[in-house]
C-alpha atoms as a PDB file:
ATOM      1  CA  MET A   1       0.142   0.139  -0.076  1.00  0.00           C
ATOM      2  CA  ASN A   2       1.164   3.458  -0.969  1.00  0.00           C
ATOM      3  CA  ASP A   3       1.377   6.257   1.275  1.00  0.00           C
ATOM      4  CA  GLU A   4      -1.241   8.648  -0.257  1.00  0.00           C
ATOM      5  CA  GLN A   5      -4.027   9.311   1.838  1.00  0.00           C
ATOM      6  CA  PHE A   6      -7.417   9.479  -0.049  1.00  0.00           C
ATOM      7  CA  TYR A   7      -9.815  10.876   2.534  1.00  0.00           C
ATOM      8  CA  PRO A   8      -9.721  13.704   4.598  1.00  0.00           C
ATOM      9  CA  ASP A   9      -8.498  13.072   8.241  1.00  0.00           C
ATOM     10  CA  TRP A  10     -12.034  13.464  10.055  1.00  0.00           C
ATOM     11  CA  LEU A  11     -13.616  11.112   7.817  1.00  0.00           C
ATOM     12  CA  TYR A  12     -10.600   8.298   9.383  1.00  0.00           C
ATOM     13  CA  LYS A  13     -11.747   9.141  13.164  1.00  0.00           C
ATOM     14  CA  LYS A  14     -15.399   9.514  12.606  1.00  0.00           C
ATOM     15  CA  ILE A  15     -15.923   5.912  11.279  1.00  0.00           C
ATOM     16  CA  ILE A  16     -13.353   4.130  13.579  1.00  0.00           C
ATOM     17  CA  GLU A  17     -14.533   5.989  16.663  1.00  0.00           C
ATOM     18  CA  ASN A  18     -18.394   5.146  15.239  1.00  0.00           C
ATOM     19  CA  ASP A  19     -18.734   9.156  15.765  1.00  0.00           C
ATOM     20  CA  LEU A  20     -20.644  10.402  12.736  1.00  0.00           C
ATOM     21  CA  PRO A  21     -22.820  12.956  13.573  1.00  0.00           C
ATOM     22  CA  TRP A  22     -26.291  10.777  13.573  1.00  0.00           C
ATOM     23  CA  ASP A  23     -28.200  13.398  15.188  1.00  0.00           C
ATOM     24  CA  LYS A  24     -28.184  15.474  11.859  1.00  0.00           C
ATOM     25  CA  LYS A  25     -29.268  12.517   9.853  1.00  0.00           C
ATOM     26  CA  ALA A  26     -31.749  12.585   7.110  1.00  0.00           C
ATOM     27  CA  ASP A  27     -35.188  11.827   7.694  1.00  0.00           C
ATOM     28  CA  LEU A  28     -35.234   9.115   4.886  1.00  0.00           C
ATOM     29  CA  THR A  29     -35.656   5.328   4.999  1.00  0.00           C
ATOM     30  CA  LEU A  30     -33.904   3.319   2.497  1.00  0.00           C
ATOM     31  CA  ASP A  31     -36.902   2.654  -0.004  1.00  0.00           C
ATOM     32  CA  SER A  32     -37.390   6.463   0.408  1.00  0.00           C
ATOM     33  CA  PHE A  33     -33.766   7.270  -0.289  1.00  0.00           C
ATOM     34  CA  ASN A  34     -33.780   4.358  -3.452  1.00  0.00           C
ATOM     35  CA  GLU A  35     -36.671   6.603  -4.676  1.00  0.00           C
ATOM     36  CA  LYS A  36     -35.502   9.426  -5.099  1.00  0.00           C
ATOM     37  CA  TYR A  37     -31.404   9.465  -5.181  1.00  0.00           C
ATOM     38  CA  THR A  38     -29.278   6.774  -6.515  1.00  0.00           C
ATOM     39  CA  LEU A  39     -25.808   5.303  -5.870  1.00  0.00           C
ATOM     40  CA  HIS A  40     -25.384   4.487  -8.785  1.00  0.00           C
ATOM     41  CA  ASP A  41     -21.147   5.270 -10.046  1.00  0.00           C
ATOM     42  CA  SER A  42     -20.438   6.074  -5.935  1.00  0.00           C
ATOM     43  CA  PHE A  43     -17.738   4.585  -4.989  1.00  0.00           C
ATOM     44  CA  TRP A  44     -17.098   2.579  -1.871  1.00  0.00           C
ATOM     45  CA  VAL A  45     -15.150   3.681   1.015  1.00  0.00           C
ATOM     46  CA  GLY A  46     -15.516   0.296   3.099  1.00  0.00           C
ATOM     47  CA  ILE A  47     -17.780  -1.396   5.373  1.00  0.00           C
ATOM     48  CA  PHE A  48     -17.388  -0.862   9.100  1.00  0.00           C
ATOM     49  CA  TYR A  49     -18.651  -3.685  11.300  1.00  0.00           C
ATOM     50  CA  HIS A  50     -18.813  -2.077  14.688  1.00  0.00           C
ATOM     51  CA  VAL A  51     -18.574  -5.853  16.614  1.00  0.00           C
ATOM     52  CA  ALA A  52     -16.618  -3.920  19.472  1.00  0.00           C
ATOM     53  CA  PHE A  53     -19.758  -2.612  20.859  1.00  0.00           C
ATOM     54  CA  ASP A  54     -22.767  -3.660  19.234  1.00  0.00           C
ATOM     55  CA  GLN A  55     -24.081  -5.595  15.839  1.00  0.00           C
ATOM     56  CA  SER A  56     -24.008  -2.305  14.066  1.00  0.00           C
ATOM     57  CA  VAL A  57     -22.475  -1.946  10.368  1.00  0.00           C
ATOM     58  CA  THR A  58     -21.662   1.879   8.665  1.00  0.00           C
ATOM     59  CA  LEU A  59     -21.336   1.723   4.937  1.00  0.00           C
ATOM     60  CA  SER A  60     -19.203   4.244   3.746  1.00  0.00           C
ATOM     61  CA  PHE A  61     -19.770   5.804  -0.074  1.00  0.00           C
ATOM     62  CA  GLN A  62     -17.921   8.877  -1.971  1.00  0.00           C
ATOM     63  CA  TRP A  63     -21.115   9.786  -3.363  1.00  0.00           C
ATOM     64  CA  ASP A  64     -21.453  10.563  -7.225  1.00  0.00           C
ATOM     65  CA  SER A  65     -22.316  13.962  -6.986  1.00  0.00           C
ATOM     66  CA  VAL A  66     -23.193  14.040 -10.591  1.00  0.00           C
ATOM     67  CA  TRP A  67     -26.758  12.219 -10.100  1.00  0.00           C
ATOM     68  CA  LEU A  68     -27.685  14.444  -7.056  1.00  0.00           C
ATOM     69  CA  PRO A  69     -29.903  17.730  -7.767  1.00  0.00           C
ATOM     70  CA  ASP A  70     -27.992  21.117  -8.404  1.00  0.00           C
ATOM     71  CA  ASP A  71     -29.986  22.515  -5.356  1.00  0.00           C
ATOM     72  CA  ILE A  72     -28.791  19.821  -3.312  1.00  0.00           C
ATOM     73  CA  LYS A  73     -25.029  19.680  -4.441  1.00  0.00           C
ATOM     74  CA  GLU A  74     -23.281  21.258  -7.909  1.00  0.00           C
ATOM     75  CA  GLY A  75     -22.703  17.832 -10.064  1.00  0.00           C
ATOM     76  CA  THR A  76     -19.112  17.654 -10.259  1.00  0.00           C
ATOM     77  CA  SER A  77     -16.451  15.060 -11.990  1.00  0.00           C
ATOM     78  CA  HIS A  78     -13.826  15.640  -9.581  1.00  0.00           C
ATOM     79  CA  VAL A  79     -14.171  12.887  -6.924  1.00  0.00           C
ATOM     80  CA  ASP A  80     -12.408  14.860  -4.330  1.00  0.00           C
ATOM     81  CA  ASP A  81     -15.379  17.425  -4.095  1.00  0.00           C
ATOM     82  CA  TRP A  82     -17.999  14.694  -4.032  1.00  0.00           C
ATOM     83  CA  PRO A  83     -19.889  14.327  -0.965  1.00  0.00           C
ATOM     84  CA  TYR A  84     -19.421  11.014   1.422  1.00  0.00           C
ATOM     85  CA  LEU A  85     -22.714   8.976   2.005  1.00  0.00           C
ATOM     86  CA  PHE A  86     -23.155   7.082   5.086  1.00  0.00           C
ATOM     87  CA  ILE A  87     -25.579   4.379   6.039  1.00  0.00           C
ATOM     88  CA  GLN A  88     -25.751   2.572   9.349  1.00  0.00           C
ATOM     89  CA  LEU A  89     -27.455  -0.574   9.762  1.00  0.00           C
ATOM     90  CA  GLU A  90     -28.401  -1.949  13.298  1.00  0.00           C
ATOM     91  CA  GLU A  91     -28.720  -5.725  14.120  1.00  0.00           C
ATOM     92  CA  VAL A  92     -26.710  -6.551  11.703  1.00  0.00           C
ATOM     93  CA  LYS A  93     -27.519 -10.848  11.239  1.00  0.00           C
ATOM     94  CA  GLU A  94     -25.227 -11.365   8.377  1.00  0.00           C
ATOM     95  CA  ILE A  95     -22.835  -9.913   5.478  1.00  0.00           C
ATOM     96  CA  THR A  96     -21.747 -12.230   2.263  1.00  0.00           C
ATOM     97  CA  THR A  97     -20.044 -11.009  -0.914  1.00  0.00           C
ATOM     98  CA  SER A  98     -19.670 -12.433  -3.920  1.00  0.00           C
ATOM     99  CA  ASN A  99     -17.960 -12.156  -7.225  1.00  0.00           C
ATOM    100  CA  PHE A 100     -14.976  -9.811  -5.880  1.00  0.00           C
ATOM    101  CA  GLU A 101     -11.828  -9.574  -7.281  1.00  0.00           C
ATOM    102  CA  ASP A 102      -8.948  -7.760  -7.451  1.00  0.00           C
ATOM    103  CA  LEU A 103      -8.917  -4.987  -9.775  1.00  0.00           C
ATOM    104  CA  GLU A 104      -5.699  -3.626  -9.618  1.00  0.00           C
ATOM    105  CA  GLY A 105      -6.329  -0.591  -7.987  1.00  0.00           C
ATOM    106  CA  ILE A 106      -9.622   0.287  -9.320  1.00  0.00           C
ATOM    107  CA  ASN A 107     -12.099   1.758  -6.825  1.00  0.00           C
ATOM    108  CA  ARG A 108     -15.491  -0.294  -6.826  1.00  0.00           C
ATOM    109  CA  ALA A 109     -17.949   1.517  -8.637  1.00  0.00           C
ATOM    110  CA  ILE A 110     -22.029   1.061  -7.482  1.00  0.00           C
ATOM    111  CA  GLY A 111     -24.141  -0.249  -9.905  1.00  0.00           C
ATOM    112  CA  GLY A 112     -27.530   0.026  -7.714  1.00  0.00           C
ATOM    113  CA  MET A 113     -28.980  -1.088  -5.028  1.00  0.00           C
ATOM    114  CA  GLU A 114     -31.842  -2.390  -3.659  1.00  0.00           C
ATOM    115  CA  ILE A 115     -33.798  -3.054  -0.071  1.00  0.00           C
ATOM    116  CA  LEU A 116     -36.662  -5.926   0.299  1.00  0.00           C
ATOM    117  CA  GLU A 117     -38.202  -6.948   3.726  1.00  0.00           C
ATOM    118  CA  MET A 118     -38.964 -10.790   4.601  1.00  0.00           C
ATOM    119  CA  ASP A 119     -39.426 -12.612   7.399  1.00  0.00           C
ATOM    120  CA  GLY A 120     -39.225  -9.475   9.617  1.00  0.00           C
ATOM    121  CA  ASN A 121     -35.556  -8.623   8.689  1.00  0.00           C
ATOM    122  CA  PHE A 122     -34.279  -6.105   6.245  1.00  0.00           C
ATOM    123  CA  HIS A 123     -32.168  -7.624   3.028  1.00  0.00           C
ATOM    124  CA  LEU A 124     -29.967  -5.038   1.430  1.00  0.00           C
ATOM    125  CA  ALA A 125     -28.209  -5.571  -1.703  1.00  0.00           C
ATOM    126  CA  ILE A 126     -25.767  -3.569  -3.458  1.00  0.00           C
ATOM    127  CA  ASP A 127     -24.295  -4.399  -6.953  1.00  0.00           C
ATOM    128  CA  ASP A 128     -21.155  -2.526  -8.235  1.00  0.00           C
ATOM    129  CA  VAL A 129     -20.857  -2.182 -11.974  1.00  0.00           C
ATOM    130  CA  TYR A 130     -17.646  -4.865 -12.212  1.00  0.00           C
ATOM    131  CA  GLY A 131     -20.060  -8.108 -10.631  1.00  0.00           C
ATOM    132  CA  GLY A 132     -19.466  -7.699  -7.086  1.00  0.00           C
ATOM    133  CA  GLN A 133     -22.502  -7.903  -4.782  1.00  0.00           C
ATOM    134  CA  ILE A 134     -22.791  -7.185  -1.200  1.00  0.00           C
ATOM    135  CA  ASN A 135     -25.631  -8.489   1.156  1.00  0.00           C
ATOM    136  CA  ILE A 136     -26.840  -7.628   4.559  1.00  0.00           C
ATOM    137  CA  VAL A 137     -29.652  -9.285   6.200  1.00  0.00           C
ATOM    138  CA  PHE A 138     -30.753  -6.884   9.276  1.00  0.00           C
ATOM    139  CA  ALA A 139     -33.419  -6.547  11.838  1.00  0.00           C
ATOM    140  CA  GLY A 140     -32.935  -3.209  13.383  1.00  0.00           C
ATOM    141  CA  SER A 141     -33.370   0.464  12.145  1.00  0.00           C
ATOM    142  CA  HIS A 142     -31.147   2.100   9.630  1.00  0.00           C
ATOM    143  CA  ARG A 143     -29.860   5.594   9.081  1.00  0.00           C
ATOM    144  CA  ILE A 144     -28.678   7.925   6.382  1.00  0.00           C
ATOM    145  CA  LEU A 145     -26.303  10.995   6.511  1.00  0.00           C
ATOM    146  CA  ALA A 146     -24.481  12.903   3.933  1.00  0.00           C
ATOM    147  CA  LEU A 147     -21.445  15.431   4.676  1.00  0.00           C
ATOM    148  CA  ASN A 148     -19.442  17.099   2.009  1.00  0.00           C
ATOM    149  CA  PRO A 149     -15.614  16.679   1.986  1.00  0.00           C
ATOM    150  CA  ASP A 150     -15.309  19.545   4.613  1.00  0.00           C
ATOM    151  CA  GLU A 151     -17.646  17.410   7.353  1.00  0.00           C
ATOM    152  CA  THR A 152     -20.467  19.961   7.094  1.00  0.00           C
ATOM    153  CA  VAL A 153     -24.078  18.430   7.114  1.00  0.00           C
ATOM    154  CA  LEU A 154     -25.038  17.923   3.028  1.00  0.00           C
ATOM    155  CA  LYS A 155     -29.179  18.426   3.099  1.00  0.00           C
ATOM    156  CA  ILE A 156     -30.938  15.360   1.733  1.00  0.00           C
END
């Protein structure tokens, strides 16, 4: 791994310490988020499983602003200006991945996201444009938060 830092300092600290400003979360469910926005072409930052203290997972993305309405964020192809999107899932029961291969330094761009409710659990599937898929089964609540690269809240 090289010494180049890809993300702002605050992002590392907030994710590792599970200290994102969830009190400023968006008033959205995963369904309403999917109806209004898309993860298409966004980049994975990572999946952070907070097993030390609870069974929550925080999904982190660099959210492609090209697909956002201009009144929320002006679209740009300059990735460093893209906002960060976080989705926290509670009471996670299972995480599976499939079709992930080394892309030799290419970040995995998202193709789409789907959420279903079955047998009292939520099933979240996120596909990337290279055929990879993340599947997460969870029973608890979920929260959605968007932050600009300067750590200010992006109202969605």
